[in-house]
Amino acid sequence: MTVDTRSITKDIKVRIPEDLHGEPVISNLISQHGVTVNIVSATLGINAGSGWFHLSLKGAYAQIQTAIAYLNDLDIEIWEDNSEENTSL
């Protein structure tokens, strides 16, 4: 069986709740799941409650899948942009 290692890009929007602001969520996407993360835009304030991020994830299909599973395990809300041509998730 051949593993698909082609790089894809997946745009997502996430809401990181206030109780996770002290956790290295985005850093863990990079270090633990091997994806490249580009923060396209973000809204975050000291007393703003939740933080909103528009992220562009780049990596192999399996890396993207495990990164999204990690976010789901943290109960982070995710909105996936399925309109991207370079995305097959």
PDB file of N, CA and C in Angstrom:
ATOM      1  N   MET A   1       0.839  -1.174   0.000  1.00  0.00           N
ATOM      2  CA  MET A   1       0.000   0.000   0.000  1.00  0.00           C
ATOM      3  C   MET A   1       0.887   1.242   0.000  1.00  0.00           C
ATOM      4  N   THR A   2       0.577   2.192  -0.834  1.00  0.00           N
ATOM      5  CA  THR A   2       1.331   3.427  -0.948  1.00  0.00           C
ATOM      6  C   THR A   2       0.682   4.512  -0.094  1.00  0.00           C
ATOM      7  N   VAL A   3       1.488   5.223   0.667  1.00  0.00           N
ATOM      8  CA  VAL A   3       1.000   6.332   1.481  1.00  0.00           C
ATOM      9  C   VAL A   3       1.092   7.607   0.667  1.00  0.00           C
ATOM     10  N   ASP A   4       0.010   8.355   0.616  1.00  0.00           N
ATOM     11  CA  ASP A   4      -0.040   9.607  -0.131  1.00  0.00           C
ATOM     12  C   ASP A   4       0.646  10.690   0.694  1.00  0.00           C
ATOM     13  N   THR A   5       1.770  11.190   0.209  1.00  0.00           N
ATOM     14  CA  THR A   5       2.515  12.226   0.928  1.00  0.00           C
ATOM     15  C   THR A   5       2.440  13.582   0.236  1.00  0.00           C
ATOM     16  N   ARG A   6       1.573  13.692  -0.767  1.00  0.00           N
ATOM     17  CA  ARG A   6       1.422  14.986  -1.431  1.00  0.00           C
ATOM     18  C   ARG A   6       0.919  16.032  -0.445  1.00  0.00           C
ATOM     19  N   SER A   7       1.424  17.230  -0.583  1.00  0.00           N
ATOM     20  CA  SER A   7       1.044  18.316   0.303  1.00  0.00           C
ATOM     21  C   SER A   7      -0.283  18.916  -0.147  1.00  0.00           C
ATOM     22  N   ILE A   8      -1.176  19.125   0.817  1.00  0.00           N
ATOM     23  CA  ILE A   8      -2.441  19.800   0.552  1.00  0.00           C
ATOM     24  C   ILE A   8      -2.568  20.972   1.504  1.00  0.00           C
ATOM     25  N   THR A   9      -3.491  21.855   1.206  1.00  0.00           N
ATOM     26  CA  THR A   9      -3.774  22.995   2.066  1.00  0.00           C
ATOM     27  C   THR A   9      -5.230  22.939   2.474  1.00  0.00           C
ATOM     28  N   LYS A  10      -5.482  23.165   3.758  1.00  0.00           N
ATOM     29  CA  LYS A  10      -6.842  23.142   4.296  1.00  0.00           C
ATOM     30  C   LYS A  10      -7.064  24.401   5.106  1.00  0.00           C
ATOM     31  N   ASP A  11      -8.058  25.206   4.707  1.00  0.00           N
ATOM     32  CA  ASP A  11      -8.412  26.402   5.468  1.00  0.00           C
ATOM     33  C   ASP A  11      -9.489  26.045   6.477  1.00  0.00           C
ATOM     34  N   ILE A  12      -9.265  26.454   7.719  1.00  0.00           N
ATOM     35  CA  ILE A  12     -10.251  26.245   8.773  1.00  0.00           C
ATOM     36  C   ILE A  12     -10.356  27.505   9.612  1.00  0.00           C
ATOM     37  N   LYS A  13     -11.481  27.628  10.275  1.00  0.00           N
ATOM     38  CA  LYS A  13     -11.663  28.677  11.274  1.00  0.00           C
ATOM     39  C   LYS A  13     -11.947  27.966  12.583  1.00  0.00           C
ATOM     40  N   VAL A  14     -11.284  28.411  13.644  1.00  0.00           N
ATOM     41  CA  VAL A  14     -11.436  27.766  14.940  1.00  0.00           C
ATOM     42  C   VAL A  14     -11.743  28.794  16.014  1.00  0.00           C
ATOM     43  N   ARG A  15     -12.496  28.353  17.005  1.00  0.00           N
ATOM     44  CA  ARG A  15     -12.768  29.183  18.181  1.00  0.00           C
ATOM     45  C   ARG A  15     -12.084  28.498  19.349  1.00  0.00           C
ATOM     46  N   ILE A  16     -11.083  29.156  19.902  1.00  0.00           N
ATOM     47  CA  ILE A  16     -10.359  28.603  21.034  1.00  0.00           C
ATOM     48  C   ILE A  16     -10.939  29.222  22.307  1.00  0.00           C
ATOM     49  N   PRO A  17     -11.577  28.381  23.140  1.00  0.00           N
ATOM     50  CA  PRO A  17     -12.215  28.923  24.342  1.00  0.00           C
ATOM     51  C   PRO A  17     -11.209  29.495  25.330  1.00  0.00           C
ATOM     52  N   GLU A  18     -11.704  30.367  26.162  1.00  0.00           N
ATOM     53  CA  GLU A  18     -10.838  31.087  27.107  1.00  0.00           C
ATOM     54  C   GLU A  18     -10.040  30.138  28.009  1.00  0.00           C
ATOM     55  N   ASP A  19     -10.617  28.999  28.376  1.00  0.00           N
ATOM     56  CA  ASP A  19      -9.898  28.089  29.268  1.00  0.00           C
ATOM     57  C   ASP A  19      -8.703  27.422  28.600  1.00  0.00           C
ATOM     58  N   LEU A  20      -8.570  27.550  27.281  1.00  0.00           N
ATOM     59  CA  LEU A  20      -7.414  26.996  26.570  1.00  0.00           C
ATOM     60  C   LEU A  20      -6.408  28.058  26.142  1.00  0.00           C
ATOM     61  N   HIS A  21      -6.631  29.313  26.539  1.00  0.00           N
ATOM     62  CA  HIS A  21      -5.712  30.387  26.132  1.00  0.00           C
ATOM     63  C   HIS A  21      -4.290  30.170  26.634  1.00  0.00           C
ATOM     64  N   GLY A  22      -4.122  29.454  27.728  1.00  0.00           N
ATOM     65  CA  GLY A  22      -2.783  29.190  28.256  1.00  0.00           C
ATOM     66  C   GLY A  22      -2.120  27.971  27.631  1.00  0.00           C
ATOM     67  N   GLU A  23      -2.825  27.275  26.758  1.00  0.00           N
ATOM     68  CA  GLU A  23      -2.290  26.072  26.115  1.00  0.00           C
ATOM     69  C   GLU A  23      -1.686  26.415  24.755  1.00  0.00           C
ATOM     70  N   PRO A  24      -0.611  25.747  24.375  1.00  0.00           N
ATOM     71  CA  PRO A  24       0.031  26.016  23.075  1.00  0.00           C
ATOM     72  C   PRO A  24      -0.653  25.261  21.929  1.00  0.00           C
ATOM     73  N   VAL A  25      -1.924  25.549  21.703  1.00  0.00           N
ATOM     74  CA  VAL A  25      -2.730  24.802  20.730  1.00  0.00           C
ATOM     75  C   VAL A  25      -2.134  24.885  19.328  1.00  0.00           C
ATOM     76  N   ILE A  26      -1.853  26.065  18.850  1.00  0.00           N
ATOM     77  CA  ILE A  26      -1.328  26.221  17.485  1.00  0.00           C
ATOM     78  C   ILE A  26       0.089  25.672  17.398  1.00  0.00           C
ATOM     79  N   SER A  27       0.883  25.903  18.416  1.00  0.00           N
ATOM     80  CA  SER A  27       2.236  25.350  18.446  1.00  0.00           C
ATOM     81  C   SER A  27       2.212  23.822  18.377  1.00  0.00           C
ATOM     82  N   ASN A  28       1.256  23.193  19.066  1.00  0.00           N
ATOM     83  CA  ASN A  28       1.136  21.736  19.032  1.00  0.00           C
ATOM     84  C   ASN A  28       0.736  21.217  17.654  1.00  0.00           C
ATOM     85  N   LEU A  29      -0.040  21.997  16.912  1.00  0.00           N
ATOM     86  CA  LEU A  29      -0.370  21.591  15.541  1.00  0.00           C
ATOM     87  C   LEU A  29       0.904  21.414  14.724  1.00  0.00           C
ATOM     88  N   ILE A  30       1.844  22.307  14.949  1.00  0.00           N
ATOM     89  CA  ILE A  30       3.107  22.283  14.212  1.00  0.00           C
ATOM     90  C   ILE A  30       4.031  21.185  14.738  1.00  0.00           C
ATOM     91  N   SER A  31       4.280  21.192  16.045  1.00  0.00           N
ATOM     92  CA  SER A  31       5.290  20.284  16.602  1.00  0.00           C
ATOM     93  C   SER A  31       4.818  18.839  16.713  1.00  0.00           C
ATOM     94  N   GLN A  32       3.559  18.611  17.026  1.00  0.00           N
ATOM     95  CA  GLN A  32       3.075  17.245  17.236  1.00  0.00           C
ATOM     96  C   GLN A  32       2.449  16.623  15.995  1.00  0.00           C
ATOM     97  N   HIS A  33       1.988  17.457  15.063  1.00  0.00           N
ATOM     98  CA  HIS A  33       1.280  16.924  13.897  1.00  0.00           C
ATOM     99  C   HIS A  33       1.975  17.242  12.581  1.00  0.00           C
ATOM    100  N   GLY A  34       3.040  18.005  12.638  1.00  0.00           N
ATOM    101  CA  GLY A  34       3.873  18.245  11.469  1.00  0.00           C
ATOM    102  C   GLY A  34       3.271  19.089  10.381  1.00  0.00           C
ATOM    103  N   VAL A  35       2.230  19.857  10.691  1.00  0.00           N
ATOM    104  CA  VAL A  35       1.633  20.707   9.673  1.00  0.00           C
ATOM    105  C   VAL A  35       2.255  22.102   9.732  1.00  0.00           C
ATOM    106  N   THR A  36       2.242  22.771   8.605  1.00  0.00           N
ATOM    107  CA  THR A  36       2.633  24.178   8.554  1.00  0.00           C
ATOM    108  C   THR A  36       1.366  24.980   8.784  1.00  0.00           C
ATOM    109  N   VAL A  37       1.430  25.953   9.687  1.00  0.00           N
ATOM    110  CA  VAL A  37       0.260  26.749  10.035  1.00  0.00           C
ATOM    111  C   VAL A  37       0.510  28.201   9.670  1.00  0.00           C
ATOM    112  N   ASN A  38      -0.399  28.756   8.884  1.00  0.00           N
ATOM    113  CA  ASN A  38      -0.382  30.175   8.585  1.00  0.00           C
ATOM    114  C   ASN A  38      -1.625  30.781   9.231  1.00  0.00           C
ATOM    115  N   ILE A  39      -1.422  31.772  10.091  1.00  0.00           N
ATOM    116  CA  ILE A  39      -2.552  32.467  10.700  1.00  0.00           C
ATOM    117  C   ILE A  39      -2.982  33.548   9.717  1.00  0.00           C
ATOM    118  N   VAL A  40      -4.091  33.309   9.043  1.00  0.00           N
ATOM    119  CA  VAL A  40      -4.599  34.240   8.036  1.00  0.00           C
ATOM    120  C   VAL A  40      -5.193  35.467   8.705  1.00  0.00           C
ATOM    121  N   SER A  41      -5.953  35.245   9.785  1.00  0.00           N
ATOM    122  CA  SER A  41      -6.499  36.346  10.575  1.00  0.00           C
ATOM    123  C   SER A  41      -6.857  35.813  11.953  1.00  0.00           C
ATOM    124  N   ALA A  42      -6.997  36.732  12.910  1.00  0.00           N
ATOM    125  CA  ALA A  42      -7.325  36.335  14.266  1.00  0.00           C
ATOM    126  C   ALA A  42      -7.974  37.492  15.006  1.00  0.00           C
ATOM    127  N   THR A  43      -8.822  37.138  15.972  1.00  0.00           N
ATOM    128  CA  THR A  43      -9.413  38.103  16.884  1.00  0.00           C
ATOM    129  C   THR A  43      -9.211  37.555  18.276  1.00  0.00           C
ATOM    130  N   LEU A  44      -8.465  38.300  19.075  1.00  0.00           N
ATOM    131  CA  LEU A  44      -8.148  37.833  20.419  1.00  0.00           C
ATOM    132  C   LEU A  44      -7.897  39.050  21.290  1.00  0.00           C
ATOM    133  N   GLY A  45      -8.469  39.051  22.455  1.00  0.00           N
ATOM    134  CA  GLY A  45      -8.263  40.152  23.385  1.00  0.00           C
ATOM    135  C   GLY A  45      -8.033  39.625  24.781  1.00  0.00           C
ATOM    136  N   ILE A  46      -7.517  40.455  25.636  1.00  0.00           N
ATOM    137  CA  ILE A  46      -7.205  40.037  27.005  1.00  0.00           C
ATOM    138  C   ILE A  46      -8.462  39.564  27.728  1.00  0.00           C
ATOM    139  N   ASN A  47      -9.536  40.305  27.627  1.00  0.00           N
ATOM    140  CA  ASN A  47     -10.792  39.944  28.291  1.00  0.00           C
ATOM    141  C   ASN A  47     -11.888  39.616  27.284  1.00  0.00           C
ATOM    142  N   ALA A  48     -11.507  39.107  26.119  1.00  0.00           N
ATOM    143  CA  ALA A  48     -12.471  38.879  25.048  1.00  0.00           C
ATOM    144  C   ALA A  48     -13.162  37.527  25.122  1.00  0.00           C
ATOM    145  N   GLY A  49     -12.771  36.678  26.049  1.00  0.00           N
ATOM    146  CA  GLY A  49     -13.369  35.346  26.097  1.00  0.00           C
ATOM    147  C   GLY A  49     -12.681  34.445  25.092  1.00  0.00           C
ATOM    148  N   SER A  50     -13.431  34.001  24.110  1.00  0.00           N
ATOM    149  CA  SER A  50     -12.885  33.099  23.101  1.00  0.00           C
ATOM    150  C   SER A  50     -12.010  33.839  22.099  1.00  0.00           C
ATOM    151  N   GLY A  51     -11.060  33.110  21.526  1.00  0.00           N
ATOM    152  CA  GLY A  51     -10.242  33.647  20.452  1.00  0.00           C
ATOM    153  C   GLY A  51     -10.634  32.976  19.151  1.00  0.00           C
ATOM    154  N   TRP A  52     -10.732  33.743  18.098  1.00  0.00           N
ATOM    155  CA  TRP A  52     -11.113  33.227  16.779  1.00  0.00           C
ATOM    156  C   TRP A  52      -9.915  33.297  15.850  1.00  0.00           C
ATOM    157  N   PHE A  53      -9.641  32.215  15.140  1.00  0.00           N
ATOM    158  CA  PHE A  53      -8.512  32.149  14.228  1.00  0.00           C
ATOM    159  C   PHE A  53      -8.944  31.584  12.885  1.00  0.00           C
ATOM    160  N   HIS A  54      -8.474  32.199  11.825  1.00  0.00           N
ATOM    161  CA  HIS A  54      -8.594  31.636  10.476  1.00  0.00           C
ATOM    162  C   HIS A  54      -7.208  31.094  10.157  1.00  0.00           C
ATOM    163  N   LEU A  55      -7.105  29.765  10.067  1.00  0.00           N
ATOM    164  CA  LEU A  55      -5.821  29.107   9.862  1.00  0.00           C
ATOM    165  C   LEU A  55      -5.778  28.428   8.504  1.00  0.00           C
ATOM    166  N   SER A  56      -4.618  28.467   7.898  1.00  0.00           N
ATOM    167  CA  SER A  56      -4.357  27.701   6.686  1.00  0.00           C
ATOM    168  C   SER A  56      -3.351  26.616   7.070  1.00  0.00           C
ATOM    169  N   LEU A  57      -3.796  25.354   7.027  1.00  0.00           N
ATOM    170  CA  LEU A  57      -2.945  24.222   7.383  1.00  0.00           C
ATOM    171  C   LEU A  57      -2.394  23.595   6.118  1.00  0.00           C
ATOM    172  N   LYS A  58      -1.108  23.291   6.111  1.00  0.00           N
ATOM    173  CA  LYS A  58      -0.483  22.670   4.956  1.00  0.00           C
ATOM    174  C   LYS A  58       0.296  21.448   5.424  1.00  0.00           C
ATOM    175  N   GLY A  59       0.091  20.329   4.730  1.00  0.00           N
ATOM    176  CA  GLY A  59       0.787  19.094   5.060  1.00  0.00           C
ATOM    177  C   GLY A  59       0.188  17.941   4.289  1.00  0.00           C
ATOM    178  N   ALA A  60       0.649  16.752   4.582  1.00  0.00           N
ATOM    179  CA  ALA A  60       0.088  15.554   3.964  1.00  0.00           C
ATOM    180  C   ALA A  60      -1.327  15.342   4.507  1.00  0.00           C
ATOM    181  N   TYR A  61      -2.142  14.635   3.746  1.00  0.00           N
ATOM    182  CA  TYR A  61      -3.532  14.381   4.126  1.00  0.00           C
ATOM    183  C   TYR A  61      -3.617  13.832   5.551  1.00  0.00           C
ATOM    184  N   ALA A  62      -2.802  12.827   5.879  1.00  0.00           N
ATOM    185  CA  ALA A  62      -2.844  12.210   7.205  1.00  0.00           C
ATOM    186  C   ALA A  62      -2.469  13.206   8.297  1.00  0.00           C
ATOM    187  N   GLN A  63      -1.521  14.086   8.029  1.00  0.00           N
ATOM    188  CA  GLN A  63      -1.129  15.097   9.010  1.00  0.00           C
ATOM    189  C   GLN A  63      -2.286  16.059   9.283  1.00  0.00           C
ATOM    190  N   ILE A  64      -2.965  16.479   8.228  1.00  0.00           N
ATOM    191  CA  ILE A  64      -4.101  17.386   8.372  1.00  0.00           C
ATOM    192  C   ILE A  64      -5.202  16.700   9.178  1.00  0.00           C
ATOM    193  N   GLN A  65      -5.459  15.431   8.865  1.00  0.00           N
ATOM    194  CA  GLN A  65      -6.498  14.679   9.570  1.00  0.00           C
ATOM    195  C   GLN A  65      -6.195  14.570  11.064  1.00  0.00           C
ATOM    196  N   THR A  66      -4.942  14.246  11.418  1.00  0.00           N
ATOM    197  CA  THR A  66      -4.607  14.108  12.842  1.00  0.00           C
ATOM    198  C   THR A  66      -4.623  15.466  13.541  1.00  0.00           C
ATOM    199  N   ALA A  67      -4.259  16.527  12.833  1.00  0.00           N
ATOM    200  CA  ALA A  67      -4.304  17.877  13.407  1.00  0.00           C
ATOM    201  C   ALA A  67      -5.747  18.264  13.725  1.00  0.00           C
ATOM    202  N   ILE A  68      -6.663  17.978  12.817  1.00  0.00           N
ATOM    203  CA  ILE A  68      -8.082  18.291  13.048  1.00  0.00           C
ATOM    204  C   ILE A  68      -8.642  17.416  14.166  1.00  0.00           C
ATOM    205  N   ALA A  69      -8.230  16.150  14.227  1.00  0.00           N
ATOM    206  CA  ALA A  69      -8.666  15.263  15.310  1.00  0.00           C
ATOM    207  C   ALA A  69      -8.191  15.805  16.659  1.00  0.00           C
ATOM    208  N   TYR A  70      -6.963  16.327  16.704  1.00  0.00           N
ATOM    209  CA  TYR A  70      -6.423  16.928  17.928  1.00  0.00           C
ATOM    210  C   TYR A  70      -7.298  18.099  18.375  1.00  0.00           C
ATOM    211  N   LEU A  71      -7.676  18.971  17.439  1.00  0.00           N
ATOM    212  CA  LEU A  71      -8.537  20.101  17.775  1.00  0.00           C
ATOM    213  C   LEU A  71      -9.899  19.619  18.269  1.00  0.00           C
ATOM    214  N   ASN A  72     -10.442  18.589  17.612  1.00  0.00           N
ATOM    215  CA  ASN A  72     -11.718  18.014  18.051  1.00  0.00           C
ATOM    216  C   ASN A  72     -11.616  17.442  19.457  1.00  0.00           C
ATOM    217  N   ASP A  73     -10.497  16.776  19.760  1.00  0.00           N
ATOM    218  CA  ASP A  73     -10.293  16.204  21.098  1.00  0.00           C
ATOM    219  C   ASP A  73     -10.288  17.276  22.183  1.00  0.00           C
ATOM    220  N   LEU A  74      -9.879  18.484  21.820  1.00  0.00           N
ATOM    221  CA  LEU A  74      -9.879  19.610  22.763  1.00  0.00           C
ATOM    222  C   LEU A  74     -11.242  20.313  22.823  1.00  0.00           C
ATOM    223  N   ASP A  75     -12.217  19.815  22.065  1.00  0.00           N
ATOM    224  CA  ASP A  75     -13.553  20.422  21.959  1.00  0.00           C
ATOM    225  C   ASP A  75     -13.499  21.846  21.423  1.00  0.00           C
ATOM    226  N   ILE A  76     -12.581  22.064  20.493  1.00  0.00           N
ATOM    227  CA  ILE A  76     -12.474  23.361  19.827  1.00  0.00           C
ATOM    228  C   ILE A  76     -13.421  23.361  18.636  1.00  0.00           C
ATOM    229  N   GLU A  77     -14.237  24.415  18.532  1.00  0.00           N
ATOM    230  CA  GLU A  77     -15.147  24.528  17.393  1.00  0.00           C
ATOM    231  C   GLU A  77     -14.344  24.754  16.122  1.00  0.00           C
ATOM    232  N   ILE A  78     -14.700  24.029  15.061  1.00  0.00           N
ATOM    233  CA  ILE A  78     -13.985  24.114  13.789  1.00  0.00           C
ATOM    234  C   ILE A  78     -14.992  24.330  12.665  1.00  0.00           C
ATOM    235  N   TRP A  79     -14.699  25.307  11.814  1.00  0.00           N
ATOM    236  CA  TRP A  79     -15.452  25.510  10.587  1.00  0.00           C
ATOM    237  C   TRP A  79     -14.483  25.259   9.452  1.00  0.00           C
ATOM    238  N   GLU A  80     -14.779  24.259   8.642  1.00  0.00           N
ATOM    239  CA  GLU A  80     -13.878  23.897   7.544  1.00  0.00           C
ATOM    240  C   GLU A  80     -14.361  24.569   6.268  1.00  0.00           C
ATOM    241  N   ASP A  81     -13.400  25.101   5.513  1.00  0.00           N
ATOM    242  CA  ASP A  81     -13.686  25.694   4.217  1.00  0.00           C
ATOM    243  C   ASP A  81     -13.435  24.615   3.165  1.00  0.00           C
ATOM    244  N   ASN A  82     -14.505  24.031   2.669  1.00  0.00           N
ATOM    245  CA  ASN A  82     -14.386  22.950   1.699  1.00  0.00           C
ATOM    246  C   ASN A  82     -14.401  23.433   0.259  1.00  0.00           C
ATOM    247  N   SER A  83     -14.314  24.741   0.045  1.00  0.00           N
ATOM    248  CA  SER A  83     -14.345  25.273  -1.309  1.00  0.00           C
ATOM    249  C   SER A  83     -12.969  25.364  -1.942  1.00  0.00           C
ATOM    250  N   GLU A  84     -11.914  25.081  -1.176  1.00  0.00           N
ATOM    251  CA  GLU A  84     -10.559  25.183  -1.705  1.00  0.00           C
ATOM    252  C   GLU A  84     -10.302  24.096  -2.751  1.00  0.00           C
ATOM    253  N   GLU A  85      -9.700  24.467  -3.865  1.00  0.00           N
ATOM    254  CA  GLU A  85      -9.392  23.519  -4.916  1.00  0.00           C
ATOM    255  C   GLU A  85      -8.323  22.525  -4.493  1.00  0.00           C
ATOM    256  N   ASN A  86      -7.396  22.939  -3.652  1.00  0.00           N
ATOM    257  CA  ASN A  86      -6.254  22.108  -3.262  1.00  0.00           C
ATOM    258  C   ASN A  86      -6.557  21.291  -2.007  1.00  0.00           C
ATOM    259  N   THR A  87      -7.826  21.086  -1.704  1.00  0.00           N
ATOM    260  CA  THR A  87      -8.203  20.378  -0.493  1.00  0.00           C
ATOM    261  C   THR A  87      -9.153  19.252  -0.844  1.00  0.00           C
ATOM    262  N   SER A  88      -8.847  18.077  -0.325  1.00  0.00           N
ATOM    263  CA  SER A  88      -9.706  16.940  -0.609  1.00  0.00           C
ATOM    264  C   SER A  88     -10.184  16.269   0.659  1.00  0.00           C
ATOM    265  N   LEU A  89     -10.347  17.034   1.730  1.00  0.00           N
ATOM    266  CA  LEU A  89     -10.799  16.439   3.000  1.00  0.00           C
ATOM    267  C   LEU A  89     -12.295  16.430   3.067  1.00  0.00           C
TER     268      LEU A  89
END
